[in-house]
Amino acid sequence: LRKKMKDSVAEEHLYLGFSRQYRDSIFPLHTSISLFLLSYCDCKLFKIFLVPTGENVDDQFVTKNLLGDLEVHLISRCQLPLVVQSCCLPAVVVKDGKFCRAGLSVVLRHIIQKTYEADPSKKDVLELLGFKKTCLKACAEVSQWTRLCEISIPLAVEGFLTASPEHCQTIPPDILQLERKLGEPVRVHNDDKIRRQKLQQQKAGAKAAVPVLGKKATEEGKTVELHEHPLPSLELSIAFSKLLVQEVSDAVNREAPHIRRTKTSDLPLLDHVFAEGLYFTLADIVLLPCIHQFLVSIKEQGKNLVNLPLISSWYQRVQEVPGVKKAAGKCNMELLQLPELMSAPEEELQDFSSVPDELEEDKEDSHFIGGPRPTMTKLMENGIEAKFSPHPCHNWTLDWTKLPSAVCPGEGKMSRDRALRKQQQLNNLVAAVTKLAKPGDVIVDFCSGGGHVGIVLAHMMTSCQVVLIENKELSLIRAKDRSDELGLNNIWFIQANLDYFNGTFNIGVS
């Protein structure tokens, strides 16, 4: 069974970019992050390829020193499967080359899910996806947090490390943004109960460091010394008890009657333990290689870390998570042991309460309302007049009765009324594309969802290549199932943000 499982899973190939090495990391940092997660999960399910940005790179000896026990192959960009050539790396593609996942968050989430599927005993790996398994699920185009972890921090650190000495004197704004976020109150799904426990602890006059795990904890058969922290102990005890599958003591769990009667608005706020709050998640895995390289550089420059006390504390705390030091060792990351930080004079601390200007959300778009009418209004307000012309193919319509059932929108899990409206939309789109398309054209269905447009086009235009791009995995899998049922060979599926598609195409629909 294990061999059968391995054979079925090993058909996935993971492609990672390789521009150059910097100390104990591979650039781009997305590659170092991916390799670190593979090491942390002890995942050997993927065939890994490094794709040099320059065609003349052939440095196997050096890269092996940074890859631990992972077997990695070098491949040039022109040797990549065609669907991967259209995407930003990292990317994972099923061996048949039709279904590609691209972009850091999508690829990392897939590694976690495949690791757990292959070995359901690795529940700690699945826990990296957080409550409701949503960690870094929202794409970078809509989630400021995903954008910070997936794009902004890695790019900021790479820029900081490669800048000339006179240009890397200031801390990048995105690093300051992370410091500010680590200082924000924590919201978790059961925070009312935890905040009542914290109030009870405060009322009882609890000191800062209740021994959470005793003096020592066992990590993978080794005895590891754990340090006490100046953070309130309740958050730490909950965070680490979840990591080590230990229960918080009954004394913490029991609430006094006056605590239960306290209004929610009067309860104390919770402090950050890890990047997203109380629990160790994929966000911490993403940030660790980046912050590690940044802190190494800061230390070499002899700078004081007092302006980043929360990031420094987080960096130390993450090292205590079982498996992190072992994974870092496999990747030859020599984690720093930072001295205890003293609080700085007020004038030395940077102001983290204000968000850097370039990171402020665009106020005008914060209440964006979609749909035709607001869009038309915006156009008119900006002096753009929309002119309406007759339908170019008003008599043209699809004969749905002659099409296979899997082509019809109703197969995509929707109501009968909505399926009818969707058919009417498809009549228009397919008519327009039919008029434009030539044999050999590439047609891209952006934000394809369940593939209602793309599947009709692929079925009707067998001489064209159709590409479906969608960020939601379940929708795209549903589309692929319908495509397989139809036996379509001229269709690709890409799970990614729109930003990560950089292929050429002739016609785009949405």
Protein backbone atom coordinates (compact mmCIF):
# COMPACT_ATOMS: atom_id res chain seq x y z
CA LEU A 1 0.00 0.00 0.00
CA ARG A 2 2.81 2.41 0.93
CA LYS A 3 4.57 1.70 -2.39
CA LYS A 4 1.31 2.16 -4.30
CA MET A 5 0.67 5.45 -2.48
CA LYS A 6 4.22 6.62 -3.20
CA ASP A 7 3.96 5.72 -6.89
CA SER A 8 0.71 7.66 -7.29
CA VAL A 9 1.98 10.74 -5.44
CA ALA A 10 5.51 10.77 -6.89
CA GLU A 11 4.06 11.78 -10.25
CA GLU A 12 4.04 15.40 -9.09
CA HIS A 13 7.01 17.56 -10.02
CA LEU A 14 7.99 20.66 -8.00
CA TYR A 15 9.82 23.42 -9.88
CA LEU A 16 11.77 26.04 -7.88
CA GLY A 17 13.57 29.12 -9.15
CA PHE A 18 17.32 29.48 -8.63
CA SER A 19 19.03 32.81 -9.25
CA ARG A 20 21.94 32.61 -6.81
CA GLN A 21 23.00 31.68 -3.30
CA TYR A 22 23.31 34.00 -0.35
CA ARG A 23 24.92 32.57 2.78
CA ASP A 24 22.74 29.62 3.81
CA SER A 25 19.82 30.48 1.51
CA ILE A 26 18.91 30.07 -2.12
CA PHE A 27 17.50 33.05 -3.97
CA PRO A 28 14.73 33.70 -4.69
CA LEU A 29 13.73 33.26 -1.06
CA HIS A 30 10.57 31.49 -2.23
CA THR A 31 12.85 28.54 -3.01
CA SER A 32 14.43 28.53 0.46
CA ILE A 33 10.96 28.73 2.03
CA SER A 34 9.70 25.78 -0.05
CA LEU A 35 12.74 23.65 0.83
CA PHE A 36 12.38 24.55 4.51
CA LEU A 37 8.73 23.40 4.53
CA LEU A 38 9.67 20.14 2.78
CA SER A 39 12.31 19.54 5.47
CA TYR A 40 9.93 20.44 8.31
CA CYS A 41 7.26 18.07 6.93
CA ASP A 42 9.90 15.42 6.13
CA CYS A 43 8.20 15.23 2.72
CA LYS A 44 9.80 13.18 -0.08
CA LEU A 45 6.70 12.96 -2.28
CA PHE A 46 7.78 15.38 -4.99
CA LYS A 47 10.45 15.19 -7.66
CA ILE A 48 12.23 18.52 -7.19
CA PHE A 49 13.77 20.60 -9.98
CA LEU A 50 15.83 23.77 -9.63
CA VAL A 51 15.29 26.13 -12.56
CA PRO A 52 18.22 28.58 -12.97
CA THR A 53 17.31 32.04 -14.18
CA GLY A 54 20.51 32.07 -16.25
CA GLU A 55 20.97 29.19 -18.68
CA ASN A 56 24.69 28.95 -17.81
CA VAL A 57 24.20 27.97 -14.14
CA ASP A 58 25.40 24.44 -13.39
CA ASP A 59 26.47 24.58 -9.75
CA GLN A 60 25.34 21.22 -8.38
CA PHE A 61 28.06 20.97 -5.75
CA VAL A 62 27.17 24.26 -4.06
CA THR A 63 23.42 23.76 -4.18
CA LYS A 64 23.70 20.29 -2.66
CA ASN A 65 25.21 21.90 0.44
CA LEU A 66 21.99 23.86 0.96
CA LEU A 67 19.46 21.14 0.14
CA GLY A 68 20.04 18.73 3.01
CA ASP A 69 18.80 15.23 2.26
CA LEU A 70 16.51 16.29 -0.62
CA GLU A 71 17.31 14.98 -4.08
CA VAL A 72 17.20 17.88 -6.53
CA HIS A 73 17.67 18.04 -10.30
CA LEU A 74 18.72 21.03 -12.40
CA ILE A 75 16.58 21.85 -15.42
CA SER A 76 16.62 24.79 -17.84
CA ARG A 77 13.51 26.91 -18.32
CA CYS A 78 13.07 25.76 -21.92
CA GLN A 79 12.85 22.15 -20.67
CA LEU A 80 9.91 22.90 -18.38
CA PRO A 81 6.46 21.56 -19.27
CA LEU A 82 4.72 24.16 -21.43
CA VAL A 83 2.06 24.89 -18.81
CA VAL A 84 4.80 25.66 -16.24
CA GLN A 85 6.59 27.96 -18.67
CA SER A 86 3.50 30.17 -18.52
CA CYS A 87 3.68 30.53 -14.72
CA CYS A 88 5.79 32.16 -12.05
CA LEU A 89 7.73 29.73 -9.86
CA PRO A 90 7.42 27.92 -7.51
CA ALA A 91 5.07 25.59 -9.36
CA VAL A 92 3.85 22.02 -8.96
CA VAL A 93 2.56 20.09 -11.94
CA VAL A 94 0.96 16.68 -12.20
CA LYS A 95 3.02 14.43 -14.46
CA ASP A 96 0.54 14.57 -17.34
CA GLY A 97 1.24 18.30 -17.49
CA LYS A 98 -2.38 19.50 -17.49
CA PHE A 99 -2.90 20.69 -13.91
CA CYS A 100 -0.42 23.22 -12.52
CA ARG A 101 -0.33 24.98 -9.15
CA ALA A 102 1.74 28.18 -9.12
CA GLY A 103 2.71 30.79 -6.54
CA LEU A 104 4.21 30.33 -3.08
CA SER A 105 1.05 30.05 -0.96
CA VAL A 106 -0.73 27.64 -3.33
CA VAL A 107 2.35 25.40 -3.62
CA LEU A 108 3.06 25.35 0.14
CA ARG A 109 -0.55 24.54 1.00
CA HIS A 110 -0.43 21.71 -1.55
CA ILE A 111 2.77 20.28 -0.02
CA ILE A 112 1.05 20.23 3.40
CA GLN A 113 -2.11 18.58 2.07
CA LYS A 114 -0.19 15.90 0.13
CA THR A 115 2.02 15.16 3.16
CA TYR A 116 -1.04 14.62 5.33
CA GLU A 117 -2.83 12.51 2.69
CA ALA A 118 0.21 10.23 2.42
CA ASP A 119 0.55 9.94 6.22
CA PRO A 120 -2.58 10.91 8.24
CA SER A 121 -0.59 10.50 11.48
CA LYS A 122 1.11 13.83 10.66
CA LYS A 123 -1.68 15.91 12.15
CA ASP A 124 0.84 18.53 13.29
CA VAL A 125 1.60 19.20 9.61
CA LEU A 126 -2.09 19.70 8.78
CA GLU A 127 -2.35 22.07 11.78
CA LEU A 128 -0.05 24.46 9.88
CA LEU A 129 -3.10 25.46 7.84
CA GLY A 130 -4.71 26.85 10.99
CA PHE A 131 -8.34 27.05 12.07
CA LYS A 132 -10.70 26.01 9.25
CA LYS A 133 -7.53 25.29 7.20
CA THR A 134 -7.50 28.82 5.76
CA CYS A 135 -3.92 30.00 6.44
CA LEU A 136 -2.67 31.95 3.37
CA LYS A 137 -5.65 30.64 1.39
CA ALA A 138 -6.96 34.05 0.34
CA CYS A 139 -4.93 35.24 -2.64
CA ALA A 140 -2.46 38.11 -2.40
CA GLU A 141 -4.75 40.27 -4.53
CA VAL A 142 -7.38 40.46 -1.79
CA SER A 143 -5.54 39.63 1.46
CA GLN A 144 -3.05 42.13 2.87
CA TRP A 145 -1.65 39.41 5.14
CA THR A 146 -1.05 36.95 2.28
CA ARG A 147 0.55 39.74 0.27
CA LEU A 148 2.86 40.62 3.15
CA CYS A 149 4.00 37.01 3.71
CA GLU A 150 4.04 35.78 0.12
CA ILE A 151 5.32 38.82 -1.74
CA SER A 152 6.33 41.85 0.32
CA ILE A 153 8.58 40.35 3.03
CA PRO A 154 10.59 38.01 0.72
CA LEU A 155 11.12 40.83 -1.80
CA ALA A 156 11.99 43.34 0.91
CA VAL A 157 14.59 41.01 2.47
CA GLU A 158 16.11 40.13 -0.92
CA GLY A 159 16.35 43.84 -1.72
CA PHE A 160 17.89 44.58 1.67
CA LEU A 161 20.50 41.83 1.31
CA THR A 162 21.54 42.79 -2.21
CA ALA A 163 21.59 46.57 -1.68
CA SER A 164 24.88 48.42 -1.45
CA PRO A 165 25.95 49.26 2.16
CA GLU A 166 24.91 52.91 1.88
CA HIS A 167 21.42 51.89 0.72
CA CYS A 168 20.64 49.30 3.42
CA GLN A 169 20.86 51.58 6.45
CA THR A 170 17.09 51.81 6.95
CA ILE A 171 14.84 48.94 7.92
CA PRO A 172 12.48 48.09 5.00
CA PRO A 173 8.93 49.39 5.52
CA ASP A 174 7.52 45.86 5.11
CA ILE A 175 9.62 44.62 8.03
CA LEU A 176 8.26 47.49 10.12
CA GLN A 177 4.76 46.50 9.01
CA LEU A 178 5.37 42.96 10.33
CA GLU A 179 6.65 44.37 13.64
CA ARG A 180 3.46 46.44 13.92
CA LYS A 181 1.27 43.43 13.14
CA LEU A 182 3.00 41.37 15.84
CA GLY A 183 1.93 44.06 18.30
CA GLU A 184 -1.75 43.93 17.36
CA PRO A 185 -4.25 42.12 19.63
CA VAL A 186 -4.97 38.52 18.75
CA ARG A 187 -8.39 37.29 17.60
CA VAL A 188 -8.96 33.54 17.56
CA HIS A 189 -12.12 31.44 17.23
CA ASN A 190 -12.38 30.78 20.98
CA ASP A 191 -10.84 34.01 22.24
CA ASP A 192 -13.71 34.88 24.61
CA LYS A 193 -12.97 31.78 26.71
CA ILE A 194 -9.20 32.34 26.61
CA ARG A 195 -9.55 36.02 27.51
CA ARG A 196 -11.65 35.05 30.55
CA GLN A 197 -8.90 32.65 31.57
CA LYS A 198 -6.39 35.48 31.20
CA LEU A 199 -8.53 37.77 33.36
CA GLN A 200 -8.73 35.08 36.01
CA GLN A 201 -4.97 34.68 35.92
CA GLN A 202 -4.49 38.42 36.26
CA LYS A 203 -6.94 38.61 39.16
CA ALA A 204 -5.05 35.81 40.86
CA GLY A 205 -1.93 37.93 40.62
CA ALA A 206 -0.12 35.42 38.41
CA LYS A 207 3.45 36.37 37.63
CA ALA A 208 4.69 36.48 34.05
CA ALA A 209 6.17 33.02 33.62
CA VAL A 210 4.20 30.06 34.90
CA PRO A 211 6.32 27.02 33.92
CA VAL A 212 4.40 26.02 30.83
CA LEU A 213 6.22 22.88 29.79
CA GLY A 214 8.27 22.23 32.88
CA LYS A 215 11.98 22.88 32.58
CA LYS A 216 12.46 20.55 29.65
CA ALA A 217 10.50 19.15 26.74
CA THR A 218 11.25 16.31 24.43
CA GLU A 219 11.72 17.06 20.76
CA GLU A 220 12.19 14.07 18.49
CA GLY A 221 13.94 12.00 21.12
CA LYS A 222 16.23 14.79 22.31
CA THR A 223 15.99 16.80 25.49
CA VAL A 224 15.60 20.46 24.71
CA GLU A 225 15.95 23.28 27.22
CA LEU A 226 13.05 25.70 27.03
CA HIS A 227 13.34 29.35 27.98
CA GLU A 228 10.88 31.48 29.86
CA HIS A 229 9.54 34.57 28.14
CA PRO A 230 8.45 37.98 29.36
CA LEU A 231 5.08 37.44 27.62
CA PRO A 232 2.04 36.55 29.73
CA SER A 233 2.19 32.83 30.29
CA LEU A 234 -1.39 31.96 29.40
CA GLU A 235 -0.87 32.61 25.68
CA LEU A 236 2.37 30.63 25.73
CA SER A 237 0.84 27.73 27.62
CA ILE A 238 -2.04 27.46 25.14
CA ALA A 239 0.20 27.82 22.10
CA PHE A 240 2.75 25.24 23.22
CA SER A 241 0.21 22.84 24.72
CA LYS A 242 -1.35 22.58 21.26
CA LEU A 243 2.06 21.98 19.67
CA LEU A 244 2.99 19.25 22.15
CA VAL A 245 -0.54 17.81 22.48
CA GLN A 246 -0.71 18.72 26.16
CA GLU A 247 -3.70 20.00 28.06
CA VAL A 248 -3.60 23.32 29.87
CA SER A 249 -3.86 22.69 33.59
CA ASP A 250 -7.30 22.51 35.25
CA ALA A 251 -6.41 25.52 37.38
CA VAL A 252 -6.28 27.60 34.21
CA ASN A 253 -9.47 26.10 32.76
CA ARG A 254 -11.78 26.69 35.74
CA GLU A 255 -13.48 30.07 35.79
CA ALA A 256 -14.77 31.83 38.87
CA PRO A 257 -18.41 33.09 38.76
CA HIS A 258 -17.39 36.78 38.67
CA ILE A 259 -15.14 36.02 35.69
CA ARG A 260 -18.01 34.43 33.78
CA ARG A 261 -20.18 37.52 34.42
CA THR A 262 -17.57 39.97 33.06
CA LYS A 263 -18.58 41.72 29.82
CA THR A 264 -16.63 40.68 26.72
CA SER A 265 -15.65 44.32 26.12
CA ASP A 266 -13.96 44.40 29.56
CA LEU A 267 -11.81 41.32 28.99
CA PRO A 268 -8.03 41.72 28.48
CA LEU A 269 -6.73 41.36 24.93
CA LEU A 270 -4.50 38.45 23.92
CA ASP A 271 -0.90 38.92 22.85
CA HIS A 272 0.82 37.42 19.81
CA VAL A 273 2.83 34.27 20.34
CA PHE A 274 3.31 33.37 16.67
CA ALA A 275 2.83 35.30 13.42
CA GLU A 276 -0.94 34.82 13.17
CA GLY A 277 -1.64 34.84 16.88
CA LEU A 278 -1.57 31.96 19.33
CA TYR A 279 -0.85 29.09 17.00
CA PHE A 280 2.14 28.04 14.90
CA THR A 281 1.06 28.12 11.25
CA LEU A 282 2.33 28.15 7.68
CA ALA A 283 2.84 31.92 8.02
CA ASP A 284 5.64 31.26 10.55
CA ILE A 285 7.24 28.75 8.15
CA VAL A 286 7.18 31.36 5.36
CA LEU A 287 8.58 34.16 7.49
CA LEU A 288 11.38 32.27 9.28
CA PRO A 289 13.89 31.91 6.37
CA CYS A 290 13.27 35.56 5.42
CA ILE A 291 13.61 37.03 8.90
CA HIS A 292 16.59 34.75 9.60
CA GLN A 293 18.53 36.18 6.64
CA PHE A 294 17.52 39.72 7.59
CA LEU A 295 18.67 39.30 11.22
CA VAL A 296 21.96 37.70 10.13
CA SER A 297 22.63 40.72 7.93
CA ILE A 298 21.62 43.17 10.69
CA LYS A 299 23.93 41.39 13.15
CA GLU A 300 26.86 41.49 10.71
CA GLN A 301 26.34 45.22 10.31
CA GLY A 302 26.50 45.57 14.10
CA LYS A 303 23.06 47.18 14.31
CA ASN A 304 20.92 47.15 17.45
CA LEU A 305 17.81 44.99 17.25
CA VAL A 306 16.08 47.06 19.92
CA ASN A 307 13.86 48.65 17.26
CA LEU A 308 12.43 45.22 16.38
CA PRO A 309 11.74 43.67 19.79
CA LEU A 310 8.62 41.76 18.69
CA ILE A 311 10.24 40.24 15.59
CA SER A 312 13.30 39.27 17.66
CA SER A 313 11.15 37.61 20.33
CA TRP A 314 9.11 35.83 17.65
CA TYR A 315 12.32 34.57 16.00
CA GLN A 316 13.52 33.06 19.29
CA ARG A 317 10.13 31.55 20.08
CA VAL A 318 9.75 29.84 16.70
CA GLN A 319 13.03 28.01 17.33
CA GLU A 320 11.42 26.25 20.31
CA VAL A 321 8.73 24.66 18.14
CA PRO A 322 9.41 20.92 17.81
CA GLY A 323 10.92 20.16 14.42
CA VAL A 324 12.00 23.69 13.51
CA LYS A 325 15.66 23.38 14.53
CA LYS A 326 15.90 19.97 12.87
CA ALA A 327 14.45 21.35 9.62
CA ALA A 328 16.77 24.35 9.77
CA GLY A 329 19.71 21.99 10.27
CA LYS A 330 18.72 20.00 7.17
CA CYS A 331 18.72 23.26 5.18
CA ASN A 332 22.02 24.35 6.77
CA MET A 333 20.34 27.38 8.33
CA GLU A 334 22.39 28.33 11.39
CA LEU A 335 19.72 29.97 13.54
CA LEU A 336 20.91 32.84 15.70
CA GLN A 337 20.65 32.92 19.49
CA LEU A 338 19.80 36.54 20.14
CA PRO A 339 20.54 38.09 23.53
CA GLU A 340 17.61 39.08 25.69
CA LEU A 341 16.33 42.45 24.48
CA MET A 342 16.21 45.35 26.88
CA SER A 343 13.48 47.91 26.36
CA ALA A 344 14.86 50.92 24.55
CA PRO A 345 14.48 54.59 25.53
CA GLU A 346 11.27 55.92 24.04
CA GLU A 347 13.04 58.21 21.58
CA GLU A 348 14.94 55.22 20.12
CA LEU A 349 11.84 53.17 19.33
CA GLN A 350 10.40 53.56 15.89
CA ASP A 351 6.74 54.45 15.69
CA PHE A 352 4.98 51.23 14.67
CA SER A 353 1.51 52.61 15.25
CA SER A 354 1.45 54.32 11.86
CA VAL A 355 1.44 52.17 8.75
CA PRO A 356 4.06 53.19 6.14
CA ASP A 357 2.41 55.23 3.40
CA GLU A 358 3.16 52.75 0.65
CA LEU A 359 1.40 49.98 2.61
CA GLU A 360 -1.79 51.91 3.31
CA GLU A 361 -4.81 50.40 1.65
CA ASP A 362 -6.29 52.59 -1.07
CA LYS A 363 -9.05 54.37 0.81
CA GLU A 364 -11.15 55.01 -2.30
CA ASP A 365 -11.35 51.30 -3.15
CA SER A 366 -12.00 50.06 0.38
CA HIS A 367 -15.79 50.20 -0.22
CA PHE A 368 -15.72 49.06 -3.83
CA ILE A 369 -19.08 47.96 -5.22
CA GLY A 370 -18.99 45.79 -8.33
CA GLY A 371 -21.47 45.39 -11.14
CA PRO A 372 -22.30 47.18 -14.39
CA ARG A 373 -24.00 50.35 -13.10
CA PRO A 374 -21.26 51.58 -10.70
CA THR A 375 -18.68 50.76 -13.37
CA MET A 376 -20.58 52.75 -16.03
CA THR A 377 -20.92 55.64 -13.58
CA LYS A 378 -17.16 55.64 -12.93
CA LEU A 379 -16.49 55.67 -16.66
CA MET A 380 -18.84 58.61 -17.27
CA GLU A 381 -17.42 60.57 -14.32
CA ASN A 382 -14.00 60.23 -15.96
CA GLY A 383 -15.23 61.44 -19.34
CA ILE A 384 -15.46 58.01 -20.94
CA GLU A 385 -18.69 57.38 -22.83
CA ALA A 386 -19.78 53.79 -23.41
CA LYS A 387 -21.28 53.19 -26.82
CA PHE A 388 -23.54 50.21 -27.34
CA SER A 389 -23.65 48.40 -30.66
CA PRO A 390 -25.87 45.57 -31.87
CA HIS A 391 -24.81 42.04 -30.97
CA PRO A 392 -22.31 40.91 -33.64
CA CYS A 393 -23.91 37.46 -33.90
CA HIS A 394 -27.45 38.01 -32.66
CA ASN A 395 -28.83 34.94 -34.44
CA TRP A 396 -26.06 32.64 -33.22
CA THR A 397 -26.83 30.29 -30.37
CA LEU A 398 -25.50 27.00 -29.04
CA ASP A 399 -27.70 23.95 -29.43
CA TRP A 400 -27.25 22.63 -25.91
CA THR A 401 -29.30 19.51 -26.66
CA LYS A 402 -26.59 18.26 -29.02
CA LEU A 403 -23.73 18.86 -26.56
CA PRO A 404 -22.52 16.25 -24.02
CA SER A 405 -24.05 16.75 -20.59
CA ALA A 406 -20.63 17.43 -19.00
CA VAL A 407 -20.33 20.58 -21.17
CA CYS A 408 -23.51 22.07 -19.74
CA PRO A 409 -23.23 24.48 -16.75
CA GLY A 410 -25.69 22.41 -14.75
CA GLU A 411 -22.94 19.82 -14.32
CA GLY A 412 -20.97 22.41 -12.36
CA LYS A 413 -23.16 22.09 -9.27
CA MET A 414 -25.58 25.02 -9.72
CA SER A 415 -29.34 25.53 -9.61
CA ARG A 416 -31.48 25.06 -12.72
CA ASP A 417 -32.33 28.80 -13.03
CA ARG A 418 -28.72 29.83 -12.66
CA ALA A 419 -27.63 27.18 -15.16
CA LEU A 420 -30.07 28.67 -17.71
CA ARG A 421 -28.70 32.20 -17.18
CA LYS A 422 -25.17 30.80 -17.46
CA GLN A 423 -26.08 29.18 -20.81
CA GLN A 424 -27.27 32.59 -22.07
CA GLN A 425 -23.97 34.17 -21.02
CA LEU A 426 -22.02 31.38 -22.71
CA ASN A 427 -23.95 31.92 -25.95
CA ASN A 428 -22.58 35.46 -26.07
CA LEU A 429 -19.01 34.66 -25.05
CA VAL A 430 -18.65 31.62 -27.32
CA ALA A 431 -20.12 33.58 -30.22
CA ALA A 432 -17.55 36.35 -29.81
CA VAL A 433 -14.62 33.93 -29.40
CA THR A 434 -15.76 31.83 -32.39
CA LYS A 435 -15.65 34.94 -34.56
CA LEU A 436 -12.12 35.85 -33.37
CA ALA A 437 -10.32 32.52 -32.94
CA LYS A 438 -7.99 30.90 -35.47
CA PRO A 439 -6.53 27.37 -35.37
CA GLY A 440 -3.55 27.23 -32.99
CA ASP A 441 -4.71 30.18 -30.87
CA VAL A 442 -4.31 30.13 -27.08
CA ILE A 443 -7.52 31.13 -25.27
CA VAL A 444 -7.31 31.97 -21.56
CA ASP A 445 -10.35 31.80 -19.27
CA PHE A 446 -9.41 34.14 -16.41
CA CYS A 447 -11.01 33.46 -13.01
CA SER A 448 -12.51 30.36 -14.58
CA GLY A 449 -14.30 29.02 -11.51
CA GLY A 450 -15.71 25.60 -12.41
CA GLY A 451 -14.73 26.07 -16.05
CA HIS A 452 -18.15 26.86 -17.53
CA VAL A 453 -16.69 29.05 -20.30
CA GLY A 454 -13.38 27.24 -20.81
CA ILE A 455 -14.84 23.75 -21.10
CA VAL A 456 -17.36 24.81 -23.77
CA LEU A 457 -14.59 26.54 -25.73
CA ALA A 458 -12.22 23.56 -25.44
CA HIS A 459 -14.96 21.16 -26.57
CA MET A 460 -15.99 23.29 -29.55
CA MET A 461 -12.56 24.55 -30.66
CA THR A 462 -10.38 21.47 -30.68
CA SER A 463 -7.70 23.24 -32.76
CA CYS A 464 -7.13 25.85 -30.00
CA GLN A 465 -5.37 25.50 -26.63
CA VAL A 466 -7.61 26.60 -23.74
CA VAL A 467 -6.13 27.62 -20.36
CA LEU A 468 -8.25 27.88 -17.19
CA ILE A 469 -6.83 30.07 -14.40
CA GLU A 470 -8.51 30.03 -10.99
CA ASN A 471 -7.30 30.52 -7.41
CA LYS A 472 -9.91 28.22 -5.78
CA GLU A 473 -8.66 24.65 -5.84
CA LEU A 474 -12.03 22.88 -5.48
CA SER A 475 -13.55 24.80 -8.40
CA LEU A 476 -10.63 23.92 -10.65
CA ILE A 477 -10.65 20.25 -9.62
CA ARG A 478 -14.36 20.15 -10.48
CA ALA A 479 -13.54 21.63 -13.90
CA LYS A 480 -10.81 19.05 -14.48
CA ASP A 481 -13.18 16.20 -13.58
CA ARG A 482 -15.64 17.43 -16.21
CA SER A 483 -12.82 17.82 -18.74
CA ASP A 484 -11.60 14.27 -18.07
CA GLU A 485 -15.13 12.97 -18.55
CA LEU A 486 -15.21 14.66 -21.97
CA GLY A 487 -11.72 13.40 -22.86
CA LEU A 488 -10.45 16.91 -23.71
CA ASN A 489 -6.76 17.06 -24.66
CA ASN A 490 -6.51 20.77 -25.51
CA ILE A 491 -7.02 22.20 -22.01
CA TRP A 492 -4.73 23.22 -19.13
CA PHE A 493 -5.64 24.07 -15.55
CA ILE A 494 -3.63 26.58 -13.51
CA GLN A 495 -4.40 27.20 -9.83
CA ALA A 496 -2.80 30.59 -9.20
CA ASN A 497 -3.33 34.30 -8.74
CA LEU A 498 -3.74 36.13 -12.03
CA ASP A 499 -0.41 37.87 -11.33
CA TYR A 500 1.42 34.55 -11.54
CA PHE A 501 0.35 33.81 -15.11
CA ASN A 502 2.85 35.32 -17.53
CA GLY A 503 2.19 33.23 -20.65
CA THR A 504 1.36 34.57 -24.09
CA PHE A 505 -2.17 34.18 -25.43
CA ASN A 506 -4.38 35.33 -28.29
CA ILE A 507 -7.80 35.69 -26.66
CA GLY A 508 -8.76 36.25 -23.04
CA VAL A 509 -12.26 35.75 -21.62
CA SER A 510 -13.72 36.26 -18.17
